[in-house]
Amino acid sequence: MNGSSEDVRVNDPFPASDPTFKLVSVTDTAAVIGLVSGSFSNGDDTITINVGETLVLAADDGTRYAIKIVSVAS
């Protein structure tokens, strides 16, 4: 998240410093994340990010989060 690595388990909120997102589920190739409260601007409750992909999300207050799924461990 924003250049800092953080281990996250399913149902954990993240980042630890500002718990905005939660890890909903994982597969070998992707992670599904949601918001701790509310939904994304398109109305979806979750979004899927593939391993190796970086997704940049902007909060209502203008804070930007760059989320990259580096690896998925079982």
PDB file of N, CA and C in Angstrom:
ATOM      1  N   MET A   1       0.843  -1.164   0.000  1.00  0.00           N
ATOM      2  CA  MET A   1       0.000   0.000   0.000  1.00  0.00           C
ATOM      3  C   MET A   1       0.895   1.235   0.000  1.00  0.00           C
ATOM      4  N   ASN A   2       0.787   2.045  -1.039  1.00  0.00           N
ATOM      5  CA  ASN A   2       1.556   3.285  -1.150  1.00  0.00           C
ATOM      6  C   ASN A   2       3.044   3.069  -0.901  1.00  0.00           C
ATOM      7  N   GLY A   3       3.571   1.947  -1.406  1.00  0.00           N
ATOM      8  CA  GLY A   3       5.004   1.664  -1.305  1.00  0.00           C
ATOM      9  C   GLY A   3       5.435   0.917  -0.072  1.00  0.00           C
ATOM     10  N   SER A   4       4.528   0.663   0.868  1.00  0.00           N
ATOM     11  CA  SER A   4       4.863  -0.083   2.073  1.00  0.00           C
ATOM     12  C   SER A   4       4.187  -1.447   2.031  1.00  0.00           C
ATOM     13  N   SER A   5       4.943  -2.459   2.417  1.00  0.00           N
ATOM     14  CA  SER A   5       4.417  -3.810   2.425  1.00  0.00           C
ATOM     15  C   SER A   5       3.660  -4.077   3.722  1.00  0.00           C
ATOM     16  N   GLU A   6       2.586  -4.840   3.612  1.00  0.00           N
ATOM     17  CA  GLU A   6       1.799  -5.191   4.791  1.00  0.00           C
ATOM     18  C   GLU A   6       1.153  -6.553   4.543  1.00  0.00           C
ATOM     19  N   ASP A   7       1.321  -7.480   5.469  1.00  0.00           N
ATOM     20  CA  ASP A   7       0.647  -8.778   5.386  1.00  0.00           C
ATOM     21  C   ASP A   7      -0.783  -8.595   5.863  1.00  0.00           C
ATOM     22  N   VAL A   8      -1.726  -9.126   5.097  1.00  0.00           N
ATOM     23  CA  VAL A   8      -3.139  -8.983   5.424  1.00  0.00           C
ATOM     24  C   VAL A   8      -3.809 -10.347   5.294  1.00  0.00           C
ATOM     25  N   ARG A   9      -4.642 -10.694   6.263  1.00  0.00           N
ATOM     26  CA  ARG A   9      -5.413 -11.940   6.226  1.00  0.00           C
ATOM     27  C   ARG A   9      -6.853 -11.630   5.815  1.00  0.00           C
ATOM     28  N   VAL A  10      -7.550 -12.657   5.325  1.00  0.00           N
ATOM     29  CA  VAL A  10      -8.950 -12.486   4.938  1.00  0.00           C
ATOM     30  C   VAL A  10      -9.730 -11.914   6.120  1.00  0.00           C
ATOM     31  N   ASN A  11     -10.555 -10.942   5.828  1.00  0.00           N
ATOM     32  CA  ASN A  11     -11.401 -10.175   6.760  1.00  0.00           C
ATOM     33  C   ASN A  11     -10.643  -9.112   7.543  1.00  0.00           C
ATOM     34  N   ASP A  12      -9.324  -8.998   7.373  1.00  0.00           N
ATOM     35  CA  ASP A  12      -8.554  -7.952   8.054  1.00  0.00           C
ATOM     36  C   ASP A  12      -8.737  -6.611   7.352  1.00  0.00           C
ATOM     37  N   PRO A  13      -8.871  -5.526   8.127  1.00  0.00           N
ATOM     38  CA  PRO A  13      -8.847  -4.184   7.537  1.00  0.00           C
ATOM     39  C   PRO A  13      -7.395  -3.764   7.292  1.00  0.00           C
ATOM     40  N   PHE A  14      -7.197  -2.909   6.308  1.00  0.00           N
ATOM     41  CA  PHE A  14      -5.869  -2.385   6.002  1.00  0.00           C
ATOM     42  C   PHE A  14      -6.009  -1.046   5.311  1.00  0.00           C
ATOM     43  N   PRO A  15      -4.965  -0.206   5.274  1.00  0.00           N
ATOM     44  CA  PRO A  15      -3.678  -0.341   5.952  1.00  0.00           C
ATOM     45  C   PRO A  15      -3.830  -0.156   7.464  1.00  0.00           C
ATOM     46  N   ALA A  16      -2.883  -0.679   8.204  1.00  0.00           N
ATOM     47  CA  ALA A  16      -2.955  -0.621   9.665  1.00  0.00           C
ATOM     48  C   ALA A  16      -3.043   0.817  10.165  1.00  0.00           C
ATOM     49  N   SER A  17      -2.376   1.732   9.482  1.00  0.00           N
ATOM     50  CA  SER A  17      -2.342   3.132   9.921  1.00  0.00           C
ATOM     51  C   SER A  17      -3.655   3.880   9.648  1.00  0.00           C
ATOM     52  N   ASP A  18      -4.472   3.378   8.720  1.00  0.00           N
ATOM     53  CA  ASP A  18      -5.737   4.031   8.353  1.00  0.00           C
ATOM     54  C   ASP A  18      -6.652   2.974   7.749  1.00  0.00           C
ATOM     55  N   PRO A  19      -7.252   2.100   8.568  1.00  0.00           N
ATOM     56  CA  PRO A  19      -8.024   0.961   8.050  1.00  0.00           C
ATOM     57  C   PRO A  19      -9.214   1.391   7.191  1.00  0.00           C
ATOM     58  N   THR A  20      -8.989   1.422   5.902  1.00  0.00           N
ATOM     59  CA  THR A  20      -9.981   1.873   4.940  1.00  0.00           C
ATOM     60  C   THR A  20     -10.569   0.709   4.153  1.00  0.00           C
ATOM     61  N   PHE A  21      -9.741  -0.306   3.886  1.00  0.00           N
ATOM     62  CA  PHE A  21     -10.126  -1.438   3.063  1.00  0.00           C
ATOM     63  C   PHE A  21     -10.155  -2.705   3.902  1.00  0.00           C
ATOM     64  N   LYS A  22     -10.775  -3.759   3.369  1.00  0.00           N
ATOM     65  CA  LYS A  22     -10.711  -5.070   4.004  1.00  0.00           C
ATOM     66  C   LYS A  22     -10.500  -6.113   2.919  1.00  0.00           C
ATOM     67  N   LEU A  23      -9.739  -7.137   3.258  1.00  0.00           N
ATOM     68  CA  LEU A  23      -9.501  -8.240   2.339  1.00  0.00           C
ATOM     69  C   LEU A  23     -10.678  -9.192   2.458  1.00  0.00           C
ATOM     70  N   VAL A  24     -11.421  -9.351   1.375  1.00  0.00           N
ATOM     71  CA  VAL A  24     -12.635 -10.161   1.380  1.00  0.00           C
ATOM     72  C   VAL A  24     -12.325 -11.622   1.077  1.00  0.00           C
ATOM     73  N   SER A  25     -11.501 -11.858   0.053  1.00  0.00           N
ATOM     74  CA  SER A  25     -11.134 -13.225  -0.316  1.00  0.00           C
ATOM     75  C   SER A  25      -9.884 -13.202  -1.178  1.00  0.00           C
ATOM     76  N   VAL A  26      -9.265 -14.374  -1.312  1.00  0.00           N
ATOM     77  CA  VAL A  26      -8.083 -14.506  -2.159  1.00  0.00           C
ATOM     78  C   VAL A  26      -8.144 -15.809  -2.939  1.00  0.00           C
ATOM     79  N   THR A  27      -7.492 -15.807  -4.095  1.00  0.00           N
ATOM     80  CA  THR A  27      -7.245 -17.015  -4.872  1.00  0.00           C
ATOM     81  C   THR A  27      -5.751 -17.046  -5.130  1.00  0.00           C
ATOM     82  N   ASP A  28      -5.300 -18.005  -5.894  1.00  0.00           N
ATOM     83  CA  ASP A  28      -3.879 -18.069  -6.230  1.00  0.00           C
ATOM     84  C   ASP A  28      -3.433 -16.898  -7.093  1.00  0.00           C
ATOM     85  N   THR A  29      -4.371 -16.257  -7.780  1.00  0.00           N
ATOM     86  CA  THR A  29      -4.008 -15.220  -8.743  1.00  0.00           C
ATOM     87  C   THR A  29      -4.573 -13.836  -8.463  1.00  0.00           C
ATOM     88  N   ALA A  30      -5.412 -13.708  -7.444  1.00  0.00           N
ATOM     89  CA  ALA A  30      -6.062 -12.414  -7.230  1.00  0.00           C
ATOM     90  C   ALA A  30      -6.537 -12.261  -5.791  1.00  0.00           C
ATOM     91  N   ALA A  31      -6.835 -11.017  -5.444  1.00  0.00           N
ATOM     92  CA  ALA A  31      -7.428 -10.698  -4.146  1.00  0.00           C
ATOM     93  C   ALA A  31      -8.665  -9.844  -4.383  1.00  0.00           C
ATOM     94  N   VAL A  32      -9.681 -10.078  -3.591  1.00  0.00           N
ATOM     95  CA  VAL A  32     -10.902  -9.280  -3.652  1.00  0.00           C
ATOM     96  C   VAL A  32     -10.910  -8.392  -2.417  1.00  0.00           C
ATOM     97  N   ILE A  33     -11.023  -7.082  -2.638  1.00  0.00           N
ATOM     98  CA  ILE A  33     -11.046  -6.150  -1.515  1.00  0.00           C
ATOM     99  C   ILE A  33     -12.348  -5.362  -1.515  1.00  0.00           C
ATOM    100  N   GLY A  34     -12.722  -4.915  -0.325  1.00  0.00           N
ATOM    101  CA  GLY A  34     -13.885  -4.068  -0.157  1.00  0.00           C
ATOM    102  C   GLY A  34     -13.503  -2.903   0.731  1.00  0.00           C
ATOM    103  N   LEU A  35     -14.448  -2.064   0.999  1.00  0.00           N
ATOM    104  CA  LEU A  35     -14.235  -0.940   1.900  1.00  0.00           C
ATOM    105  C   LEU A  35     -14.708  -1.327   3.298  1.00  0.00           C
ATOM    106  N   VAL A  36     -14.074  -0.778   4.318  1.00  0.00           N
ATOM    107  CA  VAL A  36     -14.510  -1.025   5.686  1.00  0.00           C
ATOM    108  C   VAL A  36     -15.949  -0.541   5.848  1.00  0.00           C
ATOM    109  N   SER A  37     -16.278   0.589   5.227  1.00  0.00           N
ATOM    110  CA  SER A  37     -17.666   1.045   5.225  1.00  0.00           C
ATOM    111  C   SER A  37     -17.968   1.670   3.870  1.00  0.00           C
ATOM    112  N   GLY A  38     -19.167   1.466   3.405  1.00  0.00           N
ATOM    113  CA  GLY A  38     -19.584   2.051   2.142  1.00  0.00           C
ATOM    114  C   GLY A  38     -19.270   1.182   0.948  1.00  0.00           C
ATOM    115  N   SER A  39     -19.345   1.787  -0.225  1.00  0.00           N
ATOM    116  CA  SER A  39     -19.078   1.083  -1.468  1.00  0.00           C
ATOM    117  C   SER A  39     -18.227   1.967  -2.370  1.00  0.00           C
ATOM    118  N   PHE A  40     -17.696   1.362  -3.416  1.00  0.00           N
ATOM    119  CA  PHE A  40     -16.880   2.109  -4.374  1.00  0.00           C
ATOM    120  C   PHE A  40     -17.778   3.042  -5.185  1.00  0.00           C
ATOM    121  N   SER A  41     -17.192   4.022  -5.844  1.00  0.00           N
ATOM    122  CA  SER A  41     -17.968   5.046  -6.557  1.00  0.00           C
ATOM    123  C   SER A  41     -18.854   4.465  -7.657  1.00  0.00           C
ATOM    124  N   ASN A  42     -18.499   3.284  -8.170  1.00  0.00           N
ATOM    125  CA  ASN A  42     -19.332   2.662  -9.196  1.00  0.00           C
ATOM    126  C   ASN A  42     -20.481   1.858  -8.584  1.00  0.00           C
ATOM    127  N   GLY A  43     -20.573   1.858  -7.231  1.00  0.00           N
ATOM    128  CA  GLY A  43     -21.640   1.156  -6.545  1.00  0.00           C
ATOM    129  C   GLY A  43     -21.307  -0.265  -6.135  1.00  0.00           C
ATOM    130  N   ASP A  44     -20.186  -0.793  -6.617  1.00  0.00           N
ATOM    131  CA  ASP A  44     -19.779  -2.158  -6.266  1.00  0.00           C
ATOM    132  C   ASP A  44     -19.288  -2.220  -4.826  1.00  0.00           C
ATOM    133  N   ASP A  45     -19.531  -3.351  -4.185  1.00  0.00           N
ATOM    134  CA  ASP A  45     -19.061  -3.563  -2.820  1.00  0.00           C
ATOM    135  C   ASP A  45     -17.618  -4.032  -2.766  1.00  0.00           C
ATOM    136  N   THR A  46     -17.150  -4.666  -3.860  1.00  0.00           N
ATOM    137  CA  THR A  46     -15.784  -5.203  -3.900  1.00  0.00           C
ATOM    138  C   THR A  46     -15.143  -4.917  -5.247  1.00  0.00           C
ATOM    139  N   ILE A  47     -13.835  -5.103  -5.266  1.00  0.00           N
ATOM    140  CA  ILE A  47     -13.065  -4.985  -6.499  1.00  0.00           C
ATOM    141  C   ILE A  47     -11.980  -6.060  -6.466  1.00  0.00           C
ATOM    142  N   THR A  48     -11.679  -6.627  -7.617  1.00  0.00           N
ATOM    143  CA  THR A  48     -10.669  -7.685  -7.717  1.00  0.00           C
ATOM    144  C   THR A  48      -9.375  -7.098  -8.257  1.00  0.00           C
ATOM    145  N   ILE A  49      -8.280  -7.452  -7.600  1.00  0.00           N
ATOM    146  CA  ILE A  49      -6.951  -7.022  -8.041  1.00  0.00           C
ATOM    147  C   ILE A  49      -6.126  -8.278  -8.283  1.00  0.00           C
ATOM    148  N   ASN A  50      -5.570  -8.398  -9.475  1.00  0.00           N
ATOM    149  CA  ASN A  50      -4.736  -9.548  -9.810  1.00  0.00           C
ATOM    150  C   ASN A  50      -3.339  -9.394  -9.225  1.00  0.00           C
ATOM    151  N   VAL A  51      -2.705 -10.531  -8.931  1.00  0.00           N
ATOM    152  CA  VAL A  51      -1.329 -10.513  -8.442  1.00  0.00           C
ATOM    153  C   VAL A  51      -0.457  -9.791  -9.469  1.00  0.00           C
ATOM    154  N   GLY A  52       0.366  -8.859  -9.004  1.00  0.00           N
ATOM    155  CA  GLY A  52       1.241  -8.074  -9.874  1.00  0.00           C
ATOM    156  C   GLY A  52       0.619  -6.788 -10.363  1.00  0.00           C
ATOM    157  N   GLU A  53      -0.667  -6.637 -10.237  1.00  0.00           N
ATOM    158  CA  GLU A  53      -1.381  -5.449 -10.688  1.00  0.00           C
ATOM    159  C   GLU A  53      -1.359  -4.371  -9.594  1.00  0.00           C
ATOM    160  N   THR A  54      -1.299  -3.114 -10.009  1.00  0.00           N
ATOM    161  CA  THR A  54      -1.417  -1.998  -9.076  1.00  0.00           C
ATOM    162  C   THR A  54      -2.700  -1.256  -9.392  1.00  0.00           C
ATOM    163  N   LEU A  55      -3.457  -0.973  -8.360  1.00  0.00           N
ATOM    164  CA  LEU A  55      -4.695  -0.239  -8.511  1.00  0.00           C
ATOM    165  C   LEU A  55      -4.605   1.013  -7.656  1.00  0.00           C
ATOM    166  N   VAL A  56      -4.940   2.166  -8.224  1.00  0.00           N
ATOM    167  CA  VAL A  56      -4.929   3.422  -7.474  1.00  0.00           C
ATOM    168  C   VAL A  56      -6.372   3.837  -7.235  1.00  0.00           C
ATOM    169  N   LEU A  57      -6.699   4.004  -5.953  1.00  0.00           N
ATOM    170  CA  LEU A  57      -8.044   4.415  -5.560  1.00  0.00           C
ATOM    171  C   LEU A  57      -7.968   5.752  -4.844  1.00  0.00           C
ATOM    172  N   ALA A  58      -8.965   6.595  -5.037  1.00  0.00           N
ATOM    173  CA  ALA A  58      -9.008   7.903  -4.381  1.00  0.00           C
ATOM    174  C   ALA A  58     -10.201   7.955  -3.439  1.00  0.00           C
ATOM    175  N   ALA A  59      -9.965   8.370  -2.218  1.00  0.00           N
ATOM    176  CA  ALA A  59     -11.023   8.526  -1.220  1.00  0.00           C
ATOM    177  C   ALA A  59     -11.746   9.844  -1.446  1.00  0.00           C
ATOM    178  N   ASP A  60     -12.909   9.977  -0.821  1.00  0.00           N
ATOM    179  CA  ASP A  60     -13.694  11.209  -0.956  1.00  0.00           C
ATOM    180  C   ASP A  60     -12.917  12.435  -0.507  1.00  0.00           C
ATOM    181  N   ASP A  61     -12.005  12.264   0.451  1.00  0.00           N
ATOM    182  CA  ASP A  61     -11.232  13.403   0.958  1.00  0.00           C
ATOM    183  C   ASP A  61      -9.995  13.705   0.115  1.00  0.00           C
ATOM    184  N   GLY A  62      -9.826  12.970  -0.995  1.00  0.00           N
ATOM    185  CA  GLY A  62      -8.698  13.203  -1.887  1.00  0.00           C
ATOM    186  C   GLY A  62      -7.494  12.329  -1.625  1.00  0.00           C
ATOM    187  N   THR A  63      -7.494  11.575  -0.520  1.00  0.00           N
ATOM    188  CA  THR A  63      -6.392  10.657  -0.237  1.00  0.00           C
ATOM    189  C   THR A  63      -6.340   9.593  -1.322  1.00  0.00           C
ATOM    190  N   ARG A  64      -5.134   9.335  -1.829  1.00  0.00           N
ATOM    191  CA  ARG A  64      -4.954   8.326  -2.872  1.00  0.00           C
ATOM    192  C   ARG A  64      -4.234   7.119  -2.290  1.00  0.00           C
ATOM    193  N   TYR A  65      -4.706   5.952  -2.672  1.00  0.00           N
ATOM    194  CA  TYR A  65      -4.120   4.694  -2.225  1.00  0.00           C
ATOM    195  C   TYR A  65      -3.694   3.885  -3.437  1.00  0.00           C
ATOM    196  N   ALA A  66      -2.419   3.524  -3.495  1.00  0.00           N
ATOM    197  CA  ALA A  66      -1.921   2.632  -4.541  1.00  0.00           C
ATOM    198  C   ALA A  66      -1.785   1.251  -3.907  1.00  0.00           C
ATOM    199  N   ILE A  67      -2.599   0.315  -4.367  1.00  0.00           N
ATOM    200  CA  ILE A  67      -2.612  -1.034  -3.819  1.00  0.00           C
ATOM    201  C   ILE A  67      -2.036  -1.979  -4.861  1.00  0.00           C
ATOM    202  N   LYS A  68      -1.011  -2.728  -4.465  1.00  0.00           N
ATOM    203  CA  LYS A  68      -0.427  -3.721  -5.357  1.00  0.00           C
ATOM    204  C   LYS A  68      -0.399  -5.057  -4.628  1.00  0.00           C
ATOM    205  N   ILE A  69      -0.925  -6.069  -5.292  1.00  0.00           N
ATOM    206  CA  ILE A  69      -0.890  -7.417  -4.749  1.00  0.00           C
ATOM    207  C   ILE A  69       0.412  -8.044  -5.213  1.00  0.00           C
ATOM    208  N   VAL A  70       1.343  -8.230  -4.287  1.00  0.00           N
ATOM    209  CA  VAL A  70       2.665  -8.754  -4.607  1.00  0.00           C
ATOM    210  C   VAL A  70       2.629 -10.272  -4.675  1.00  0.00           C
ATOM    211  N   SER A  71       1.983 -10.887  -3.693  1.00  0.00           N
ATOM    212  CA  SER A  71       1.881 -12.352  -3.684  1.00  0.00           C
ATOM    213  C   SER A  71       0.716 -12.762  -2.801  1.00  0.00           C
ATOM    214  N   VAL A  72       0.297 -13.990  -2.985  1.00  0.00           N
ATOM    215  CA  VAL A  72      -0.782 -14.561  -2.183  1.00  0.00           C
ATOM    216  C   VAL A  72      -0.229 -15.835  -1.558  1.00  0.00           C
ATOM    217  N   ALA A  73      -0.293 -15.923  -0.244  1.00  0.00           N
ATOM    218  CA  ALA A  73       0.194 -17.102   0.468  1.00  0.00           C
ATOM    219  C   ALA A  73      -0.998 -17.861   1.019  1.00  0.00           C
ATOM    220  N   SER A  74      -0.828 -19.162   1.139  1.00  0.00           N
ATOM    221  CA  SER A  74      -1.918 -19.971   1.689  1.00  0.00           C
ATOM    222  C   SER A  74      -1.718 -20.213   3.172  1.00  0.00           C
TER     223      SER A  74
END
